[in-house]
Amino acid sequence: MKFSSEEFKTIVQTAIHNTHVAMSEEEFLACQQGMAFVVNWAEEMDKLPLEGVKITVNVNFPENCPTRPDVVTPSMGIEKALSQAPAKLGSCFIVPQIISE
């Protein structure tokens, strides 16, 4: 499906508006380019000749899903897990708020 540049800009603006994320014009353009890349990639994938290619993994059919034994191993511990955290409070990471209320 092809969109005009204005239609695509409206789609991106609507998606950003619905997520309640504030963006500068520069960030918006970068987001628009990123979304255009994804759309172009999906269009390229649609061109692949996949008729007759058997699906190799499908979560709805366990026999097609690779499995491994579930083995319990020791965890790394809170101190090591938080050792490179930019900020912490007790045993928790503190992350900056990115979505406004």
PDB file of N, CA and C in Angstrom:
ATOM      1  N   MET A   1       0.842  -1.168   0.000  1.00  0.00           N
ATOM      2  CA  MET A   1       0.000   0.000   0.000  1.00  0.00           C
ATOM      3  C   MET A   1       0.891   1.237   0.000  1.00  0.00           C
ATOM      4  N   LYS A   2       0.644   2.122  -0.911  1.00  0.00           N
ATOM      5  CA  LYS A   2       1.428   3.349  -1.007  1.00  0.00           C
ATOM      6  C   LYS A   2       0.645   4.514  -0.432  1.00  0.00           C
ATOM      7  N   PHE A   3       1.353   5.384   0.272  1.00  0.00           N
ATOM      8  CA  PHE A   3       0.767   6.595   0.836  1.00  0.00           C
ATOM      9  C   PHE A   3       1.475   7.794   0.229  1.00  0.00           C
ATOM     10  N   SER A   4       0.726   8.873   0.070  1.00  0.00           N
ATOM     11  CA  SER A   4       1.378  10.117  -0.320  1.00  0.00           C
ATOM     12  C   SER A   4       2.176  10.598   0.884  1.00  0.00           C
ATOM     13  N   SER A   5       3.095  11.521   0.657  1.00  0.00           N
ATOM     14  CA  SER A   5       3.902  12.008   1.774  1.00  0.00           C
ATOM     15  C   SER A   5       3.028  12.695   2.820  1.00  0.00           C
ATOM     16  N   GLU A   6       1.975  13.381   2.398  1.00  0.00           N
ATOM     17  CA  GLU A   6       1.074  14.042   3.354  1.00  0.00           C
ATOM     18  C   GLU A   6       0.268  13.014   4.145  1.00  0.00           C
ATOM     19  N   GLU A   7      -0.199  11.938   3.457  1.00  0.00           N
ATOM     20  CA  GLU A   7      -0.932  10.890   4.166  1.00  0.00           C
ATOM     21  C   GLU A   7      -0.034  10.220   5.204  1.00  0.00           C
ATOM     22  N   PHE A   8       1.210   9.949   4.812  1.00  0.00           N
ATOM     23  CA  PHE A   8       2.133   9.289   5.723  1.00  0.00           C
ATOM     24  C   PHE A   8       2.445  10.194   6.907  1.00  0.00           C
ATOM     25  N   LYS A   9       2.626  11.496   6.653  1.00  0.00           N
ATOM     26  CA  LYS A   9       2.889  12.443   7.729  1.00  0.00           C
ATOM     27  C   LYS A   9       1.711  12.464   8.701  1.00  0.00           C
ATOM     28  N   THR A  10       0.493  12.417   8.189  1.00  0.00           N
ATOM     29  CA  THR A  10      -0.704  12.399   9.040  1.00  0.00           C
ATOM     30  C   THR A  10      -0.753  11.120   9.870  1.00  0.00           C
ATOM     31  N   ILE A  11      -0.402   9.996   9.268  1.00  0.00           N
ATOM     32  CA  ILE A  11      -0.388   8.716   9.990  1.00  0.00           C
ATOM     33  C   ILE A  11       0.617   8.781  11.134  1.00  0.00           C
ATOM     34  N   VAL A  12       1.813   9.290  10.855  1.00  0.00           N
ATOM     35  CA  VAL A  12       2.850   9.391  11.887  1.00  0.00           C
ATOM     36  C   VAL A  12       2.401  10.347  12.988  1.00  0.00           C
ATOM     37  N   GLN A  13       1.846  11.492  12.618  1.00  0.00           N
ATOM     38  CA  GLN A  13       1.370  12.459  13.613  1.00  0.00           C
ATOM     39  C   GLN A  13       0.290  11.839  14.493  1.00  0.00           C
ATOM     40  N   THR A  14      -0.622  11.076  13.909  1.00  0.00           N
ATOM     41  CA  THR A  14      -1.692  10.437  14.669  1.00  0.00           C
ATOM     42  C   THR A  14      -1.123   9.401  15.628  1.00  0.00           C
ATOM     43  N   ALA A  15      -0.170   8.597  15.150  1.00  0.00           N
ATOM     44  CA  ALA A  15       0.448   7.583  16.009  1.00  0.00           C
ATOM     45  C   ALA A  15       1.154   8.242  17.190  1.00  0.00           C
ATOM     46  N   ILE A  16       1.885   9.302  16.932  1.00  0.00           N
ATOM     47  CA  ILE A  16       2.603  10.003  17.999  1.00  0.00           C
ATOM     48  C   ILE A  16       1.615  10.650  18.963  1.00  0.00           C
ATOM     49  N   HIS A  17       0.570  11.273  18.425  1.00  0.00           N
ATOM     50  CA  HIS A  17      -0.443  11.904  19.276  1.00  0.00           C
ATOM     51  C   HIS A  17      -1.107  10.871  20.192  1.00  0.00           C
ATOM     52  N   ASN A  18      -1.412   9.691  19.647  1.00  0.00           N
ATOM     53  CA  ASN A  18      -2.090   8.656  20.428  1.00  0.00           C
ATOM     54  C   ASN A  18      -1.210   8.071  21.532  1.00  0.00           C
ATOM     55  N   THR A  19       0.103   8.205  21.405  1.00  0.00           N
ATOM     56  CA  THR A  19       0.996   7.703  22.451  1.00  0.00           C
ATOM     57  C   THR A  19       1.270   8.766  23.514  1.00  0.00           C
ATOM     58  N   HIS A  20       0.792   9.990  23.280  1.00  0.00           N
ATOM     59  CA  HIS A  20       0.973  11.100  24.222  1.00  0.00           C
ATOM     60  C   HIS A  20       2.456  11.390  24.482  1.00  0.00           C
ATOM     61  N   VAL A  21       3.260  11.312  23.436  1.00  0.00           N
ATOM     62  CA  VAL A  21       4.686  11.603  23.545  1.00  0.00           C
ATOM     63  C   VAL A  21       4.941  12.971  22.932  1.00  0.00           C
ATOM     64  N   ALA A  22       5.608  13.843  23.672  1.00  0.00           N
ATOM     65  CA  ALA A  22       5.960  15.162  23.142  1.00  0.00           C
ATOM     66  C   ALA A  22       7.246  15.023  22.343  1.00  0.00           C
ATOM     67  N   MET A  23       7.293  15.603  21.145  1.00  0.00           N
ATOM     68  CA  MET A  23       8.471  15.512  20.283  1.00  0.00           C
ATOM     69  C   MET A  23       8.778  16.856  19.661  1.00  0.00           C
ATOM     70  N   SER A  24      10.065  17.096  19.500  1.00  0.00           N
ATOM     71  CA  SER A  24      10.484  18.264  18.740  1.00  0.00           C
ATOM     72  C   SER A  24      10.313  17.946  17.256  1.00  0.00           C
ATOM     73  N   GLU A  25      10.413  18.963  16.417  1.00  0.00           N
ATOM     74  CA  GLU A  25      10.304  18.743  14.969  1.00  0.00           C
ATOM     75  C   GLU A  25      11.405  17.793  14.488  1.00  0.00           C
ATOM     76  N   GLU A  26      12.591  17.934  15.047  1.00  0.00           N
ATOM     77  CA  GLU A  26      13.717  17.065  14.670  1.00  0.00           C
ATOM     78  C   GLU A  26      13.420  15.607  15.052  1.00  0.00           C
ATOM     79  N   GLU A  27      12.891  15.403  16.260  1.00  0.00           N
ATOM     80  CA  GLU A  27      12.543  14.050  16.702  1.00  0.00           C
ATOM     81  C   GLU A  27      11.416  13.478  15.848  1.00  0.00           C
ATOM     82  N   PHE A  28      10.444  14.327  15.487  1.00  0.00           N
ATOM     83  CA  PHE A  28       9.345  13.882  14.644  1.00  0.00           C
ATOM     84  C   PHE A  28       9.865  13.400  13.293  1.00  0.00           C
ATOM     85  N   LEU A  29      10.765  14.171  12.683  1.00  0.00           N
ATOM     86  CA  LEU A  29      11.314  13.778  11.382  1.00  0.00           C
ATOM     87  C   LEU A  29      12.083  12.466  11.480  1.00  0.00           C
ATOM     88  N   ALA A  30      12.837  12.283  12.566  1.00  0.00           N
ATOM     89  CA  ALA A  30      13.568  11.032  12.762  1.00  0.00           C
ATOM     90  C   ALA A  30      12.589   9.870  12.925  1.00  0.00           C
ATOM     91  N   CYS A  31      11.513  10.092  13.663  1.00  0.00           N
ATOM     92  CA  CYS A  31      10.494   9.064  13.848  1.00  0.00           C
ATOM     93  C   CYS A  31       9.823   8.730  12.516  1.00  0.00           C
ATOM     94  N   GLN A  32       9.530   9.751  11.748  1.00  0.00           N
ATOM     95  CA  GLN A  32       8.901   9.558  10.442  1.00  0.00           C
ATOM     96  C   GLN A  32       9.820   8.747   9.530  1.00  0.00           C
ATOM     97  N   GLN A  33      11.105   9.043   9.549  1.00  0.00           N
ATOM     98  CA  GLN A  33      12.063   8.277   8.735  1.00  0.00           C
ATOM     99  C   GLN A  33      12.125   6.829   9.197  1.00  0.00           C
ATOM    100  N   GLY A  34      12.121   6.624  10.511  1.00  0.00           N
ATOM    101  CA  GLY A  34      12.150   5.268  11.045  1.00  0.00           C
ATOM    102  C   GLY A  34      10.916   4.482  10.650  1.00  0.00           C
ATOM    103  N   MET A  35       9.751   5.118  10.723  1.00  0.00           N
ATOM    104  CA  MET A  35       8.515   4.438  10.339  1.00  0.00           C
ATOM    105  C   MET A  35       8.490   4.167   8.837  1.00  0.00           C
ATOM    106  N   ALA A  36       9.022   5.082   8.046  1.00  0.00           N
ATOM    107  CA  ALA A  36       9.094   4.869   6.597  1.00  0.00           C
ATOM    108  C   ALA A  36      10.000   3.678   6.292  1.00  0.00           C
ATOM    109  N   PHE A  37      11.090   3.541   7.041  1.00  0.00           N
ATOM    110  CA  PHE A  37      11.990   2.407   6.848  1.00  0.00           C
ATOM    111  C   PHE A  37      11.250   1.093   7.100  1.00  0.00           C
ATOM    112  N   VAL A  38      10.456   1.054   8.183  1.00  0.00           N
ATOM    113  CA  VAL A  38       9.708  -0.159   8.514  1.00  0.00           C
ATOM    114  C   VAL A  38       8.680  -0.473   7.427  1.00  0.00           C
ATOM    115  N   VAL A  39       7.964   0.545   6.958  1.00  0.00           N
ATOM    116  CA  VAL A  39       6.967   0.340   5.902  1.00  0.00           C
ATOM    117  C   VAL A  39       7.646  -0.169   4.633  1.00  0.00           C
ATOM    118  N   ASN A  40       8.771   0.447   4.257  1.00  0.00           N
ATOM    119  CA  ASN A  40       9.489   0.000   3.054  1.00  0.00           C
ATOM    120  C   ASN A  40       9.988  -1.427   3.210  1.00  0.00           C
ATOM    121  N   TRP A  41      10.482  -1.778   4.413  1.00  0.00           N
ATOM    122  CA  TRP A  41      10.953  -3.130   4.670  1.00  0.00           C
ATOM    123  C   TRP A  41       9.808  -4.130   4.516  1.00  0.00           C
ATOM    124  N   ALA A  42       8.633  -3.797   5.062  1.00  0.00           N
ATOM    125  CA  ALA A  42       7.476  -4.684   4.963  1.00  0.00           C
ATOM    126  C   ALA A  42       7.058  -4.860   3.508  1.00  0.00           C
ATOM    127  N   GLU A  43       7.130  -3.789   2.724  1.00  0.00           N
ATOM    128  CA  GLU A  43       6.798  -3.888   1.299  1.00  0.00           C
ATOM    129  C   GLU A  43       7.783  -4.805   0.574  1.00  0.00           C
ATOM    130  N   GLU A  44       9.058  -4.727   0.935  1.00  0.00           N
ATOM    131  CA  GLU A  44      10.063  -5.613   0.331  1.00  0.00           C
ATOM    132  C   GLU A  44       9.799  -7.070   0.715  1.00  0.00           C
ATOM    133  N   MET A  45       9.396  -7.298   1.968  1.00  0.00           N
ATOM    134  CA  MET A  45       9.102  -8.665   2.416  1.00  0.00           C
ATOM    135  C   MET A  45       7.912  -9.244   1.657  1.00  0.00           C
ATOM    136  N   ASP A  46       6.937  -8.380   1.321  1.00  0.00           N
ATOM    137  CA  ASP A  46       5.771  -8.838   0.559  1.00  0.00           C
ATOM    138  C   ASP A  46       6.151  -9.321  -0.836  1.00  0.00           C
ATOM    139  N   LYS A  47       7.283  -8.877  -1.356  1.00  0.00           N
ATOM    140  CA  LYS A  47       7.719  -9.251  -2.709  1.00  0.00           C
ATOM    141  C   LYS A  47       8.415 -10.609  -2.758  1.00  0.00           C
ATOM    142  N   LEU A  48       8.777 -11.160  -1.591  1.00  0.00           N
ATOM    143  CA  LEU A  48       9.497 -12.433  -1.580  1.00  0.00           C
ATOM    144  C   LEU A  48       8.603 -13.567  -2.078  1.00  0.00           C
ATOM    145  N   PRO A  49       9.172 -14.458  -2.895  1.00  0.00           N
ATOM    146  CA  PRO A  49       8.388 -15.592  -3.408  1.00  0.00           C
ATOM    147  C   PRO A  49       8.281 -16.689  -2.341  1.00  0.00           C
ATOM    148  N   LEU A  50       7.269 -16.619  -1.497  1.00  0.00           N
ATOM    149  CA  LEU A  50       7.149 -17.548  -0.382  1.00  0.00           C
ATOM    150  C   LEU A  50       6.083 -18.624  -0.591  1.00  0.00           C
ATOM    151  N   GLU A  51       5.487 -18.667  -1.766  1.00  0.00           N
ATOM    152  CA  GLU A  51       4.489 -19.695  -2.031  1.00  0.00           C
ATOM    153  C   GLU A  51       5.145 -21.066  -1.891  1.00  0.00           C
ATOM    154  N   GLY A  52       4.512 -21.935  -1.133  1.00  0.00           N
ATOM    155  CA  GLY A  52       5.029 -23.285  -0.948  1.00  0.00           C
ATOM    156  C   GLY A  52       6.088 -23.427   0.122  1.00  0.00           C
ATOM    157  N   VAL A  53       6.507 -22.316   0.737  1.00  0.00           N
ATOM    158  CA  VAL A  53       7.511 -22.375   1.803  1.00  0.00           C
ATOM    159  C   VAL A  53       6.788 -22.737   3.095  1.00  0.00           C
ATOM    160  N   LYS A  54       7.243 -23.822   3.725  1.00  0.00           N
ATOM    161  CA  LYS A  54       6.598 -24.297   4.945  1.00  0.00           C
ATOM    162  C   LYS A  54       6.969 -23.397   6.131  1.00  0.00           C
ATOM    163  N   ILE A  55       5.989 -23.101   6.976  1.00  0.00           N
ATOM    164  CA  ILE A  55       6.240 -22.328   8.184  1.00  0.00           C
ATOM    165  C   ILE A  55       7.103 -23.171   9.108  1.00  0.00           C
ATOM    166  N   THR A  56       8.147 -22.581   9.652  1.00  0.00           N
ATOM    167  CA  THR A  56       9.058 -23.352  10.499  1.00  0.00           C
ATOM    168  C   THR A  56       8.770 -23.211  11.978  1.00  0.00           C
ATOM    169  N   VAL A  57       8.196 -22.107  12.409  1.00  0.00           N
ATOM    170  CA  VAL A  57       7.872 -21.917  13.821  1.00  0.00           C
ATOM    171  C   VAL A  57       6.498 -21.287  13.913  1.00  0.00           C
ATOM    172  N   ASN A  58       5.645 -21.900  14.736  1.00  0.00           N
ATOM    173  CA  ASN A  58       4.314 -21.371  14.954  1.00  0.00           C
ATOM    174  C   ASN A  58       3.926 -21.686  16.389  1.00  0.00           C
ATOM    175  N   VAL A  59       3.678 -20.674  17.185  1.00  0.00           N
ATOM    176  CA  VAL A  59       3.381 -20.888  18.599  1.00  0.00           C
ATOM    177  C   VAL A  59       2.082 -21.640  18.816  1.00  0.00           C
ATOM    178  N   ASN A  60       1.233 -21.697  17.819  1.00  0.00           N
ATOM    179  CA  ASN A  60      -0.032 -22.408  17.970  1.00  0.00           C
ATOM    180  C   ASN A  60       0.126 -23.922  17.827  1.00  0.00           C
ATOM    181  N   PHE A  61       1.266 -24.357  17.345  1.00  0.00           N
ATOM    182  CA  PHE A  61       1.515 -25.787  17.157  1.00  0.00           C
ATOM    183  C   PHE A  61       2.820 -26.145  17.850  1.00  0.00           C
ATOM    184  N   PRO A  62       2.753 -26.634  19.096  1.00  0.00           N
ATOM    185  CA  PRO A  62       3.970 -26.891  19.881  1.00  0.00           C
ATOM    186  C   PRO A  62       4.976 -27.804  19.183  1.00  0.00           C
ATOM    187  N   GLU A  63       4.521 -28.689  18.328  1.00  0.00           N
ATOM    188  CA  GLU A  63       5.471 -29.582  17.655  1.00  0.00           C
ATOM    189  C   GLU A  63       6.412 -28.836  16.708  1.00  0.00           C
ATOM    190  N   ASN A  64       6.067 -27.613  16.337  1.00  0.00           N
ATOM    191  CA  ASN A  64       6.925 -26.807  15.456  1.00  0.00           C
ATOM    192  C   ASN A  64       7.850 -25.878  16.227  1.00  0.00           C
ATOM    193  N   CYS A  65       7.709 -25.841  17.545  1.00  0.00           N
ATOM    194  CA  CYS A  65       8.490 -24.907  18.347  1.00  0.00           C
ATOM    195  C   CYS A  65       9.703 -25.597  18.963  1.00  0.00           C
ATOM    196  N   PRO A  66      10.890 -25.023  18.764  1.00  0.00           N
ATOM    197  CA  PRO A  66      12.063 -25.600  19.422  1.00  0.00           C
ATOM    198  C   PRO A  66      11.948 -25.413  20.935  1.00  0.00           C
ATOM    199  N   THR A  67      12.391 -26.397  21.672  1.00  0.00           N
ATOM    200  CA  THR A  67      12.335 -26.308  23.123  1.00  0.00           C
ATOM    201  C   THR A  67      13.705 -26.629  23.709  1.00  0.00           C
ATOM    202  N   ARG A  68      13.877 -26.314  24.957  1.00  0.00           N
ATOM    203  CA  ARG A  68      15.094 -26.652  25.695  1.00  0.00           C
ATOM    204  C   ARG A  68      14.669 -27.037  27.096  1.00  0.00           C
ATOM    205  N   PRO A  69      15.487 -27.802  27.769  1.00  0.00           N
ATOM    206  CA  PRO A  69      15.117 -28.150  29.142  1.00  0.00           C
ATOM    207  C   PRO A  69      15.110 -26.908  30.032  1.00  0.00           C
ATOM    208  N   ASP A  70      14.190 -26.861  30.974  1.00  0.00           N
ATOM    209  CA  ASP A  70      14.105 -25.748  31.909  1.00  0.00           C
ATOM    210  C   ASP A  70      15.015 -26.064  33.090  1.00  0.00           C
ATOM    211  N   VAL A  71      16.128 -25.365  33.165  1.00  0.00           N
ATOM    212  CA  VAL A  71      17.114 -25.621  34.205  1.00  0.00           C
ATOM    213  C   VAL A  71      17.224 -24.394  35.099  1.00  0.00           C
ATOM    214  N   VAL A  72      17.091 -24.596  36.394  1.00  0.00           N
ATOM    215  CA  VAL A  72      17.221 -23.502  37.350  1.00  0.00           C
ATOM    216  C   VAL A  72      18.705 -23.218  37.562  1.00  0.00           C
ATOM    217  N   THR A  73      19.089 -21.948  37.446  1.00  0.00           N
ATOM    218  CA  THR A  73      20.474 -21.537  37.679  1.00  0.00           C
ATOM    219  C   THR A  73      20.464 -20.371  38.661  1.00  0.00           C
ATOM    220  N   PRO A  74      21.573 -20.138  39.345  1.00  0.00           N
ATOM    221  CA  PRO A  74      21.609 -19.023  40.294  1.00  0.00           C
ATOM    222  C   PRO A  74      21.459 -17.680  39.581  1.00  0.00           C
ATOM    223  N   SER A  75      20.785 -16.735  40.240  1.00  0.00           N
ATOM    224  CA  SER A  75      20.653 -15.401  39.663  1.00  0.00           C
ATOM    225  C   SER A  75      21.941 -14.617  39.900  1.00  0.00           C
ATOM    226  N   MET A  76      22.047 -13.457  39.266  1.00  0.00           N
ATOM    227  CA  MET A  76      23.267 -12.649  39.411  1.00  0.00           C
ATOM    228  C   MET A  76      23.283 -11.850  40.707  1.00  0.00           C
ATOM    229  N   GLY A  77      22.166 -11.717  41.357  1.00  0.00           N
ATOM    230  CA  GLY A  77      22.112 -10.956  42.599  1.00  0.00           C
ATOM    231  C   GLY A  77      21.783  -9.496  42.349  1.00  0.00           C
ATOM    232  N   ILE A  78      21.143  -8.879  43.330  1.00  0.00           N
ATOM    233  CA  ILE A  78      20.685  -7.494  43.203  1.00  0.00           C
ATOM    234  C   ILE A  78      21.852  -6.534  43.006  1.00  0.00           C
ATOM    235  N   GLU A  79      22.922  -6.701  43.764  1.00  0.00           N
ATOM    236  CA  GLU A  79      24.053  -5.772  43.678  1.00  0.00           C
ATOM    237  C   GLU A  79      24.632  -5.742  42.260  1.00  0.00           C
ATOM    238  N   LYS A  80      24.839  -6.914  41.675  1.00  0.00           N
ATOM    239  CA  LYS A  80      25.407  -6.962  40.321  1.00  0.00           C
ATOM    240  C   LYS A  80      24.408  -6.430  39.297  1.00  0.00           C
ATOM    241  N   ALA A  81      23.128  -6.767  39.469  1.00  0.00           N
ATOM    242  CA  ALA A  81      22.099  -6.307  38.535  1.00  0.00           C
ATOM    243  C   ALA A  81      21.996  -4.782  38.527  1.00  0.00           C
ATOM    244  N   LEU A  82      22.194  -4.168  39.680  1.00  0.00           N
ATOM    245  CA  LEU A  82      22.082  -2.712  39.788  1.00  0.00           C
ATOM    246  C   LEU A  82      23.413  -1.988  39.634  1.00  0.00           C
ATOM    247  N   SER A  83      24.496  -2.727  39.430  1.00  0.00           N
ATOM    248  CA  SER A  83      25.830  -2.115  39.436  1.00  0.00           C
ATOM    249  C   SER A  83      26.012  -1.039  38.364  1.00  0.00           C
ATOM    250  N   GLN A  84      25.312  -1.135  37.237  1.00  0.00           N
ATOM    251  CA  GLN A  84      25.467  -0.133  36.184  1.00  0.00           C
ATOM    252  C   GLN A  84      24.200   0.691  35.966  1.00  0.00           C
ATOM    253  N   ALA A  85      23.282   0.607  36.915  1.00  0.00           N
ATOM    254  CA  ALA A  85      22.046   1.385  36.805  1.00  0.00           C
ATOM    255  C   ALA A  85      22.377   2.870  36.901  1.00  0.00           C
ATOM    256  N   PRO A  86      21.770   3.703  36.071  1.00  0.00           N
ATOM    257  CA  PRO A  86      22.036   5.138  36.145  1.00  0.00           C
ATOM    258  C   PRO A  86      21.556   5.743  37.468  1.00  0.00           C
ATOM    259  N   ALA A  87      20.501   5.176  38.035  1.00  0.00           N
ATOM    260  CA  ALA A  87      19.986   5.631  39.333  1.00  0.00           C
ATOM    261  C   ALA A  87      19.242   4.464  39.955  1.00  0.00           C
ATOM    262  N   LYS A  88      19.255   4.403  41.286  1.00  0.00           N
ATOM    263  CA  LYS A  88      18.571   3.305  41.965  1.00  0.00           C
ATOM    264  C   LYS A  88      17.993   3.774  43.288  1.00  0.00           C
ATOM    265  N   LEU A  89      17.013   3.045  43.749  1.00  0.00           N
ATOM    266  CA  LEU A  89      16.374   3.312  45.023  1.00  0.00           C
ATOM    267  C   LEU A  89      16.145   1.958  45.674  1.00  0.00           C
ATOM    268  N   GLY A  90      16.911   1.681  46.699  1.00  0.00           N
ATOM    269  CA  GLY A  90      16.823   0.369  47.332  1.00  0.00           C
ATOM    270  C   GLY A  90      17.241  -0.713  46.356  1.00  0.00           C
ATOM    271  N   SER A  91      16.343  -1.637  46.073  1.00  0.00           N
ATOM    272  CA  SER A  91      16.655  -2.725  45.142  1.00  0.00           C
ATOM    273  C   SER A  91      15.975  -2.523  43.788  1.00  0.00           C
ATOM    274  N   CYS A  92      15.680  -1.274  43.435  1.00  0.00           N
ATOM    275  CA  CYS A  92      14.971  -0.974  42.185  1.00  0.00           C
ATOM    276  C   CYS A  92      15.761  -0.014  41.306  1.00  0.00           C
ATOM    277  N   PHE A  93      15.590  -0.150  39.980  1.00  0.00           N
ATOM    278  CA  PHE A  93      16.091   0.826  39.027  1.00  0.00           C
ATOM    279  C   PHE A  93      15.194   2.037  39.080  1.00  0.00           C
ATOM    280  N   ILE A  94      15.761   3.215  38.870  1.00  0.00           N
ATOM    281  CA  ILE A  94      14.964   4.423  38.684  1.00  0.00           C
ATOM    282  C   ILE A  94      15.187   4.847  37.245  1.00  0.00           C
ATOM    283  N   VAL A  95      14.098   5.027  36.507  1.00  0.00           N
ATOM    284  CA  VAL A  95      14.199   5.429  35.111  1.00  0.00           C
ATOM    285  C   VAL A  95      13.473   6.750  34.922  1.00  0.00           C
ATOM    286  N   PRO A  96      13.915   7.568  33.967  1.00  0.00           N
ATOM    287  CA  PRO A  96      13.237   8.847  33.752  1.00  0.00           C
ATOM    288  C   PRO A  96      11.849   8.632  33.160  1.00  0.00           C
ATOM    289  N   GLN A  97      10.921   9.491  33.530  1.00  0.00           N
ATOM    290  CA  GLN A  97       9.578   9.437  32.953  1.00  0.00           C
ATOM    291  C   GLN A  97       9.651   9.891  31.503  1.00  0.00           C
ATOM    292  N   ILE A  98       9.102   9.093  30.593  1.00  0.00           N
ATOM    293  CA  ILE A  98       9.132   9.471  29.181  1.00  0.00           C
ATOM    294  C   ILE A  98       7.741   9.735  28.617  1.00  0.00           C
ATOM    295  N   ILE A  99       6.714   9.393  29.371  1.00  0.00           N
ATOM    296  CA  ILE A  99       5.347   9.628  28.913  1.00  0.00           C
ATOM    297  C   ILE A  99       4.710  10.623  29.875  1.00  0.00           C
ATOM    298  N   SER A 100       4.188  11.703  29.306  1.00  0.00           N
ATOM    299  CA  SER A 100       3.556  12.705  30.159  1.00  0.00           C
ATOM    300  C   SER A 100       2.156  12.239  30.527  1.00  0.00           C
ATOM    301  N   GLU A 101       1.653  12.782  31.595  1.00  0.00           N
ATOM    302  CA  GLU A 101       0.305  12.383  32.063  1.00  0.00           C
ATOM    303  C   GLU A 101      -0.767  13.087  31.286  1.00  0.00           C
TER     304      GLU A 101
END
